[in-house]
């Protein structure tokens, strides 16, 4: 397994996945390239034997010392191999490096598989989101592990 930042040449692959899995976002390859080149975002790609099998989109709000995971995706054939966990751990490392104190995400209320992943990686339910996405109620989950808090000496 290898995790790296996305490159502009991977925008077409990302666009295909995003259109299928997150159609409400209205992305296109140009917007994805802009995001790849913007320091307020980090798109991580996970590969198995040089095949792109998943990604994570992370958005930084450095003025608030916060970040939001906008998307985590692993191809069906590669699920259950802890690749999403590895992506989330890498995202947490990036947050630590940028001195982020709060990492949060939105998840559909009925997405039990994703919610279990988030529980396993240190997230907890925080509140209901104020918007409906694709006709679904959405929850806000967050974590403030020691490595993301200011003023701690986490290893």
Protein backbone atom coordinates (compact mmCIF):
# COMPACT_ATOMS: atom_id res chain seq x y z
CA UNK A 1 0.00 0.00 0.00
CA UNK A 2 1.18 3.48 -0.85
CA UNK A 3 -0.47 6.82 0.04
CA UNK A 4 0.52 9.99 -1.79
CA UNK A 5 -0.92 13.40 -2.58
CA UNK A 6 -2.98 13.47 -5.76
CA UNK A 7 -1.39 14.78 -8.94
CA UNK A 8 -3.18 16.80 -11.64
CA UNK A 9 -2.80 13.81 -13.98
CA UNK A 10 -5.12 11.84 -11.65
CA UNK A 11 -7.99 14.35 -11.89
CA UNK A 12 -9.87 12.32 -14.53
CA UNK A 13 -9.88 9.21 -12.31
CA UNK A 14 -10.97 11.28 -9.30
CA UNK A 15 -13.69 12.96 -11.37
CA UNK A 16 -15.08 9.58 -12.43
CA UNK A 17 -15.29 8.38 -8.81
CA UNK A 18 -16.69 11.67 -7.48
CA UNK A 19 -19.40 11.83 -10.16
CA UNK A 20 -20.47 8.28 -9.29
CA UNK A 21 -20.17 8.36 -5.50
CA UNK A 22 -20.66 12.05 -4.62
CA UNK A 23 -22.81 13.45 -7.47
CA UNK A 24 -24.15 16.34 -5.38
CA UNK A 25 -20.69 17.98 -5.32
CA UNK A 26 -20.74 19.11 -8.98
CA UNK A 27 -17.01 18.65 -9.56
CA UNK A 28 -15.18 18.42 -12.86
CA UNK A 29 -11.52 17.72 -13.69
CA UNK A 30 -10.61 21.44 -13.73
CA UNK A 31 -12.07 22.00 -10.25
CA UNK A 32 -10.26 18.92 -9.00
CA UNK A 33 -6.94 20.20 -10.39
CA UNK A 34 -7.57 23.56 -8.72
CA UNK A 35 -8.13 21.71 -5.45
CA UNK A 36 -4.98 19.61 -5.90
CA UNK A 37 -2.96 22.81 -6.35
CA UNK A 38 -4.61 24.70 -3.47
CA UNK A 39 -2.78 24.49 -0.10
CA UNK A 40 -6.14 24.62 1.72
CA UNK A 41 -6.89 21.11 0.44
CA UNK A 42 -5.18 17.78 0.49
CA UNK A 43 -6.36 14.93 -1.71
CA UNK A 44 -4.67 11.67 -0.79
CA UNK A 45 -4.62 8.68 -3.13
CA UNK A 46 -4.10 5.13 -1.89
CA UNK A 47 -2.58 2.58 -4.26
CA UNK A 48 -2.15 -1.16 -4.13
CA UNK A 49 0.53 -2.44 -6.48
CA UNK A 50 0.44 0.89 -8.38
CA UNK A 51 -3.34 0.73 -8.91
CA UNK A 52 -5.37 3.67 -7.57
CA UNK A 53 -7.96 2.12 -5.25
CA UNK A 54 -9.20 5.01 -3.11
CA UNK A 55 -8.89 8.59 -2.01
CA UNK A 56 -9.54 11.02 0.82
CA UNK A 57 -10.34 14.72 0.41
CA UNK A 58 -9.31 16.98 3.30
CA UNK A 59 -10.09 20.70 3.56
CA UNK A 60 -8.21 23.01 5.93
CA UNK A 61 -9.73 26.02 7.67
CA UNK A 62 -6.48 27.28 9.16
CA UNK A 63 -8.03 30.50 10.48
CA UNK A 64 -10.11 28.28 12.81
CA UNK A 65 -7.45 25.56 13.25
CA UNK A 66 -10.00 23.10 11.85
CA UNK A 67 -10.16 20.63 8.99
CA UNK A 68 -13.01 18.70 7.38
CA UNK A 69 -12.78 15.32 5.70
CA UNK A 70 -15.03 15.84 2.68
CA UNK A 71 -14.80 12.35 1.25
CA UNK A 72 -13.28 8.95 1.91
CA UNK A 73 -13.64 6.32 -0.80
CA UNK A 74 -12.24 2.83 -1.40
CA UNK A 75 -13.12 0.71 -4.45
CA UNK A 76 -15.42 -2.18 -3.51
CA UNK A 77 -12.86 -4.89 -4.34
CA UNK A 78 -10.36 -3.33 -1.89
CA UNK A 79 -12.65 -2.73 1.08
CA UNK A 80 -11.98 -4.51 4.36
CA UNK A 81 -8.20 -4.20 3.99
CA UNK A 82 -7.84 -1.17 6.32
CA UNK A 83 -7.03 1.17 3.43
CA UNK A 84 -9.62 3.75 4.53
CA UNK A 85 -8.16 3.58 8.04
CA UNK A 86 -4.69 4.24 6.62
CA UNK A 87 -6.01 7.23 4.65
CA UNK A 88 -7.66 8.67 7.77
CA UNK A 89 -4.48 8.15 9.80
CA UNK A 90 -2.52 10.01 7.12
CA UNK A 91 -5.09 12.83 7.20
CA UNK A 92 -4.71 13.05 10.99
CA UNK A 93 -0.93 13.29 10.53
CA UNK A 94 -1.39 16.18 8.09
CA UNK A 95 -3.68 17.91 10.58
CA UNK A 96 -1.11 17.48 13.32
CA UNK A 97 1.57 18.95 11.07
CA UNK A 98 -0.64 21.99 10.33
CA UNK A 99 -1.52 22.46 14.04
CA UNK A 100 -5.20 21.66 13.44
CA UNK A 101 -7.13 21.27 16.70
CA UNK A 102 -10.43 19.92 15.36
CA UNK A 103 -11.03 17.43 12.56
CA UNK A 104 -14.64 16.86 11.56
CA UNK A 105 -16.74 15.25 8.84
CA UNK A 106 -20.32 14.88 7.65
CA UNK A 107 -21.89 11.44 7.30
CA UNK A 108 -25.35 10.35 6.23
CA UNK A 109 -27.34 9.25 9.28
CA UNK A 110 -28.04 5.80 7.82
CA UNK A 111 -24.48 5.05 6.59
CA UNK A 112 -23.63 2.50 9.28
CA UNK A 113 -20.52 1.19 7.51
CA UNK A 114 -18.92 4.63 7.36
CA UNK A 115 -19.95 5.41 10.92
CA UNK A 116 -18.24 2.24 12.15
CA UNK A 117 -15.06 3.26 10.31
CA UNK A 118 -15.20 6.68 11.94
CA UNK A 119 -15.78 5.18 15.40
CA UNK A 120 -12.80 2.88 14.85
CA UNK A 121 -10.60 5.85 13.93
CA UNK A 122 -11.47 7.99 16.97
CA UNK A 123 -14.43 10.02 15.74
CA UNK A 124 -17.67 10.46 17.65
CA UNK A 125 -21.10 11.85 16.89
CA UNK A 126 -21.25 15.55 17.67
CA UNK A 127 -24.62 16.81 16.39
CA UNK A 128 -27.09 16.73 13.53
CA UNK A 129 -26.11 18.85 10.53
CA UNK A 130 -28.48 21.67 9.61
CA UNK A 131 -28.81 20.57 5.95
CA UNK A 132 -30.26 17.57 4.13
CA UNK A 133 -27.97 16.01 1.48
CA UNK A 134 -29.57 13.97 -1.31
CA UNK A 135 -32.71 13.63 0.81
CA UNK A 136 -30.75 12.24 3.77
CA UNK A 137 -30.29 13.53 7.27
CA UNK A 138 -26.62 14.19 7.93
CA UNK A 139 -24.62 13.97 11.15
CA UNK A 140 -21.51 15.89 12.16
CA UNK A 141 -18.78 13.72 13.64
CA UNK A 142 -15.54 15.05 15.09
CA UNK A 143 -12.45 14.11 16.95
CA UNK A 144 -10.07 16.04 19.12
CA UNK A 145 -7.44 13.42 19.86
CA UNK A 146 -4.41 14.49 21.88
CA UNK A 147 -2.32 14.80 18.73
CA UNK A 148 -4.70 17.45 17.36
CA UNK A 149 -5.06 19.51 20.54
CA UNK A 150 -2.91 22.56 21.11
CA UNK A 151 -0.58 22.58 24.05
CA UNK A 152 -0.18 18.82 24.43
CA UNK A 153 2.97 16.79 24.26
CA UNK A 154 1.60 13.82 22.35
CA UNK A 155 4.20 11.48 20.89
